[in-house]
Amino acid sequence: MNFFKNLIFKKFFYALIIFSVVVCLLLVFTSIYFKYTALYYLMWNLFLAWIPLVLSYILISYLKRHAWSSWMGIFLTFLWLVFLPNSFYMITDYIHLQIVPATAVLYFAISFTGIIFNAIFLGFLSVYFIHQELKKRIRRIWADFYLVLIFLACGYAVYIGRILRWNTWDIVLNPGGLIFDISNQFIKLNDLSMATITTLMIFVFLLGLYSILYNGIRFLLIDLNKSKESKDGSA
């Protein structure tokens, strides 16, 4: 199925855009109402969460005409992998609730949940598309294995971003410092244990939630196909 030309997917895609705008407006309204505007950068984080989905679209469009092993296919895949953790990193943004005014915690929590849910769903959607492309080319067990590796990498990337305070751009702007900090984790046992726990917790959360959404999408597609077949049969 070509998801990007499917009418239902287009409607779903537009719904995601509208939801992104709505949750950003909700954050702005909450910030203005409670006179606490220090969290507008969450909207930038949500923008970054859109990038993996856009990159997955570009990559899949490219793969229709070219081999995945081509230099551009590898480069687009690398970009997608680099930006994908931004979608899941927002899970950790809940920690900012501790700095908002006490009377506004509930309302900011609602705003946060909307933005974080949106970001996670964008990430999962891009993963689903890449997962489907992998299954077209290799055995399903290997596609699932690569999926596990991707979520493990995302878990560790979230740790690098939240705990070590590095971001995506540092891969280009400060690769030496980034490599030093990462290698230092394997020297200090305390840091290594924290990295391991954080990575595994994020990994389990992502894999579990993706499994639920993946099977939900599969059941939806099966129902759509049955409905289409019944209509074609009655016609």
Protein backbone atom coordinates (compact mmCIF):
# COMPACT_ATOMS: atom_id res chain seq x y z
CA MET A 1 0.00 0.00 0.00
CA ASN A 2 1.25 3.47 -0.90
CA PHE A 3 0.51 5.26 2.37
CA PHE A 4 1.39 8.69 1.01
CA LYS A 5 -1.26 8.49 -1.73
CA ASN A 6 -3.89 6.84 0.44
CA LEU A 7 -6.87 9.11 1.15
CA ILE A 8 -7.24 7.90 4.74
CA PHE A 9 -3.57 8.54 5.43
CA LYS A 10 -3.82 12.05 3.95
CA LYS A 11 -6.69 12.85 6.28
CA PHE A 12 -4.70 11.40 9.17
CA PHE A 13 -1.67 13.47 8.17
CA TYR A 14 -3.73 16.66 8.07
CA ALA A 15 -5.16 15.77 11.48
CA LEU A 16 -1.61 15.54 12.83
CA ILE A 17 -0.81 19.00 11.47
CA ILE A 18 -3.95 20.47 13.01
CA PHE A 19 -3.24 18.74 16.32
CA SER A 20 0.31 20.15 16.34
CA VAL A 21 -1.05 23.66 15.87
CA VAL A 22 -3.72 23.16 18.54
CA VAL A 23 -1.31 21.86 21.21
CA CYS A 24 1.09 24.74 20.51
CA LEU A 25 -1.74 27.24 20.89
CA LEU A 26 -2.73 25.48 24.11
CA LEU A 27 0.79 25.96 25.45
CA VAL A 28 0.79 29.62 24.42
CA PHE A 29 -2.59 30.22 26.05
CA THR A 30 -1.51 28.48 29.28
CA SER A 31 1.78 30.41 29.35
CA ILE A 32 0.09 33.78 28.84
CA TYR A 33 -2.72 33.07 31.30
CA PHE A 34 -0.32 32.10 34.09
CA LYS A 35 2.30 34.67 33.03
CA TYR A 36 5.00 32.02 32.66
CA THR A 37 6.48 32.06 29.18
CA ALA A 38 9.76 30.20 29.75
CA LEU A 39 8.63 27.01 28.01
CA TYR A 40 8.00 28.19 24.47
CA TYR A 41 11.01 26.17 23.31
CA LEU A 42 8.81 23.07 23.57
CA MET A 43 7.27 24.20 20.28
CA TRP A 44 10.74 24.11 18.73
CA ASN A 45 11.15 20.58 20.09
CA LEU A 46 7.87 19.64 18.44
CA PHE A 47 9.11 21.08 15.16
CA LEU A 48 12.20 18.85 15.44
CA ALA A 49 9.89 15.89 16.02
CA TRP A 50 8.35 16.50 12.59
CA ILE A 51 11.70 16.17 10.82
CA PRO A 52 11.96 12.32 11.03
CA LEU A 53 8.52 11.95 9.42
CA VAL A 54 9.47 14.34 6.61
CA LEU A 55 12.79 12.52 6.13
CA SER A 56 11.03 9.13 6.03
CA TYR A 57 8.77 10.47 3.27
CA ILE A 58 11.78 11.73 1.30
CA LEU A 59 13.64 8.45 1.81
CA ILE A 60 10.72 6.25 0.77
CA SER A 61 10.09 8.41 -2.30
CA TYR A 62 13.76 8.07 -3.20
CA LEU A 63 13.72 4.29 -2.73
CA LYS A 64 10.99 3.94 -5.37
CA ARG A 65 13.56 4.81 -8.03
CA HIS A 66 16.92 4.00 -6.45
CA ALA A 67 18.63 1.32 -4.38
CA TRP A 68 18.81 1.72 -0.60
CA SER A 69 22.53 0.96 -0.82
CA SER A 70 23.18 4.05 -2.95
CA TRP A 71 25.08 6.88 -1.28
CA MET A 72 21.97 9.10 -1.15
CA GLY A 73 19.87 6.27 0.31
CA ILE A 74 22.48 5.72 3.02
CA PHE A 75 22.78 9.45 3.68
CA LEU A 76 19.01 9.93 4.02
CA THR A 77 18.83 6.92 6.34
CA PHE A 78 21.62 8.38 8.46
CA LEU A 79 19.82 11.73 8.68
CA TRP A 80 16.60 9.98 9.67
CA LEU A 81 18.38 8.01 12.40
CA VAL A 82 20.08 11.17 13.70
CA PHE A 83 16.86 13.17 13.97
CA LEU A 84 14.53 10.34 15.08
CA PRO A 85 15.47 10.54 18.81
CA ASN A 86 14.17 14.13 18.87
CA SER A 87 10.64 12.74 18.63
CA PHE A 88 11.10 10.51 21.68
CA TYR A 89 13.30 12.91 23.63
CA MET A 90 10.19 14.93 24.48
CA ILE A 91 9.11 12.18 26.90
CA THR A 92 11.68 13.69 29.27
CA ASP A 93 10.25 17.20 28.99
CA TYR A 94 7.89 16.40 31.84
CA ILE A 95 10.76 17.28 34.18
CA HIS A 96 10.09 20.94 33.43
CA LEU A 97 6.80 20.72 35.34
CA GLN A 98 8.81 21.11 38.53
CA ILE A 99 9.71 24.70 37.62
CA VAL A 100 6.26 25.98 36.67
CA PRO A 101 4.11 27.86 39.23
CA ALA A 102 2.38 25.45 41.62
CA THR A 103 -1.07 26.74 40.69
CA ALA A 104 -0.38 26.05 37.00
CA VAL A 105 1.05 22.51 37.17
CA LEU A 106 -2.20 20.80 36.14
CA TYR A 107 -2.72 23.05 33.12
CA PHE A 108 0.87 22.86 31.94
CA ALA A 109 0.72 19.07 32.39
CA ILE A 110 -2.19 18.97 29.93
CA SER A 111 -0.27 21.18 27.49
CA PHE A 112 2.85 19.05 27.87
CA THR A 113 0.94 15.82 27.32
CA GLY A 114 -0.57 17.12 24.09
CA ILE A 115 2.81 18.17 22.70
CA ILE A 116 4.65 15.05 23.90
CA PHE A 117 1.96 12.70 22.60
CA ASN A 118 2.08 14.46 19.24
CA ALA A 119 5.88 14.18 19.06
CA ILE A 120 5.95 10.49 20.01
CA PHE A 121 3.27 9.66 17.47
CA LEU A 122 5.20 11.47 14.73
CA GLY A 123 8.28 9.44 15.58
CA PHE A 124 6.39 6.14 15.64
CA LEU A 125 4.75 6.93 12.30
CA SER A 126 8.11 7.49 10.63
CA VAL A 127 9.44 4.28 12.23
CA TYR A 128 6.41 2.37 10.94
CA PHE A 129 7.05 3.51 7.37
CA ILE A 130 10.73 2.55 7.51
CA HIS A 131 9.80 -0.75 9.16
CA GLN A 132 7.47 -1.53 6.27
CA GLU A 133 10.19 -0.72 3.74
CA LEU A 134 12.59 -3.04 5.53
CA LYS A 135 10.06 -5.89 5.47
CA LYS A 136 9.76 -5.51 1.69
CA ARG A 137 13.48 -6.13 1.27
CA ILE A 138 14.53 -8.54 4.01
CA ARG A 139 12.99 -11.27 6.14
CA ARG A 140 10.62 -10.02 8.82
CA ILE A 141 12.77 -11.35 11.67
CA TRP A 142 15.68 -9.21 10.47
CA ALA A 143 13.43 -6.18 9.98
CA ASP A 144 12.21 -6.58 13.56
CA PHE A 145 15.80 -7.02 14.75
CA TYR A 146 16.83 -3.73 13.13
CA LEU A 147 13.79 -2.12 14.72
CA VAL A 148 14.99 -3.24 18.16
CA LEU A 149 18.43 -1.75 17.44
CA ILE A 150 16.83 1.52 16.36
CA PHE A 151 14.86 1.82 19.59
CA LEU A 152 17.94 0.93 21.64
CA ALA A 153 19.88 3.66 19.85
CA CYS A 154 17.03 6.10 20.49
CA GLY A 155 17.05 5.21 24.18
CA TYR A 156 20.75 5.96 24.44
CA ALA A 157 20.37 9.12 22.35
CA VAL A 158 17.71 10.37 24.78
CA TYR A 159 20.19 9.79 27.60
CA ILE A 160 22.87 11.74 25.70
CA GLY A 161 20.44 14.60 25.13
CA ARG A 162 18.82 14.82 28.55
CA ILE A 163 21.62 13.78 30.92
CA LEU A 164 24.77 14.71 29.01
CA ARG A 165 23.05 17.75 27.43
CA TRP A 166 24.18 17.22 23.84
CA ASN A 167 21.95 17.86 20.84
CA THR A 168 21.73 16.73 17.23
CA TRP A 169 23.76 19.64 15.87
CA ASP A 170 26.77 18.72 18.02
CA ILE A 171 27.45 15.76 15.74
CA VAL A 172 28.71 18.37 13.28
CA LEU A 173 29.57 21.34 15.52
CA ASN A 174 31.43 19.52 18.29
CA PRO A 175 32.03 15.85 17.40
CA GLY A 176 35.19 15.65 19.53
CA GLY A 177 33.47 16.70 22.74
CA LEU A 178 30.53 14.39 22.02
CA ILE A 179 32.80 11.38 21.43
CA PHE A 180 34.78 12.18 24.58
CA ASP A 181 31.64 12.31 26.73
CA ILE A 182 30.30 9.06 25.29
CA SER A 183 33.59 7.20 25.72
CA ASN A 184 33.85 8.55 29.25
CA GLN A 185 30.70 6.61 30.17
CA PHE A 186 32.60 3.35 29.79
CA ILE A 187 35.29 4.54 32.20
CA LYS A 188 33.09 5.75 35.05
CA LEU A 189 30.99 2.84 36.29
CA ASN A 190 28.41 5.07 37.98
CA ASP A 191 27.79 6.96 34.74
CA LEU A 192 27.64 3.70 32.80
CA SER A 193 24.99 2.26 35.10
CA MET A 194 22.87 5.42 34.78
CA ALA A 195 23.26 5.33 31.00
CA THR A 196 22.24 1.67 30.93
CA ILE A 197 19.18 2.15 33.13
CA THR A 198 18.01 5.22 31.20
CA THR A 199 18.56 3.54 27.83
CA LEU A 200 16.72 0.38 28.81
CA MET A 201 13.78 2.22 30.35
CA ILE A 202 13.29 4.35 27.25
CA PHE A 203 13.81 1.29 25.05
CA VAL A 204 11.17 -0.81 26.86
CA PHE A 205 8.71 2.09 26.79
CA LEU A 206 9.21 2.74 23.06
CA LEU A 207 9.14 -0.90 21.99
CA GLY A 208 6.06 -1.67 24.08
CA LEU A 209 4.08 1.33 22.88
CA TYR A 210 5.15 0.82 19.26
CA SER A 211 4.02 -2.83 19.44
CA ILE A 212 0.56 -1.70 20.54
CA LEU A 213 0.30 0.94 17.80
CA TYR A 214 1.76 -1.39 15.15
CA ASN A 215 -0.77 -4.13 15.83
CA GLY A 216 -3.52 -1.53 15.97
CA ILE A 217 -2.58 -0.29 12.50
CA ARG A 218 -2.43 -3.87 11.20
CA PHE A 219 -5.92 -4.66 12.50
CA LEU A 220 -7.19 -1.41 10.97
CA LEU A 221 -5.69 -2.29 7.58
CA ILE A 222 -7.15 -5.81 7.74
CA ASP A 223 -10.60 -4.39 8.48
CA LEU A 224 -10.25 -1.89 5.62
CA ASN A 225 -9.25 -4.66 3.20
CA LYS A 226 -12.16 -6.87 4.32
CA SER A 227 -14.55 -3.95 3.92
CA LYS A 228 -13.21 -3.25 0.44
CA GLU A 229 -13.44 -6.90 -0.58
CA SER A 230 -17.02 -7.18 0.66
CA LYS A 231 -18.00 -4.08 -1.30
CA ASP A 232 -16.29 -5.40 -4.44
CA GLY A 233 -18.01 -8.79 -3.95
CA SER A 234 -21.48 -7.26 -3.50
CA ALA A 235 -20.94 -5.11 -6.55
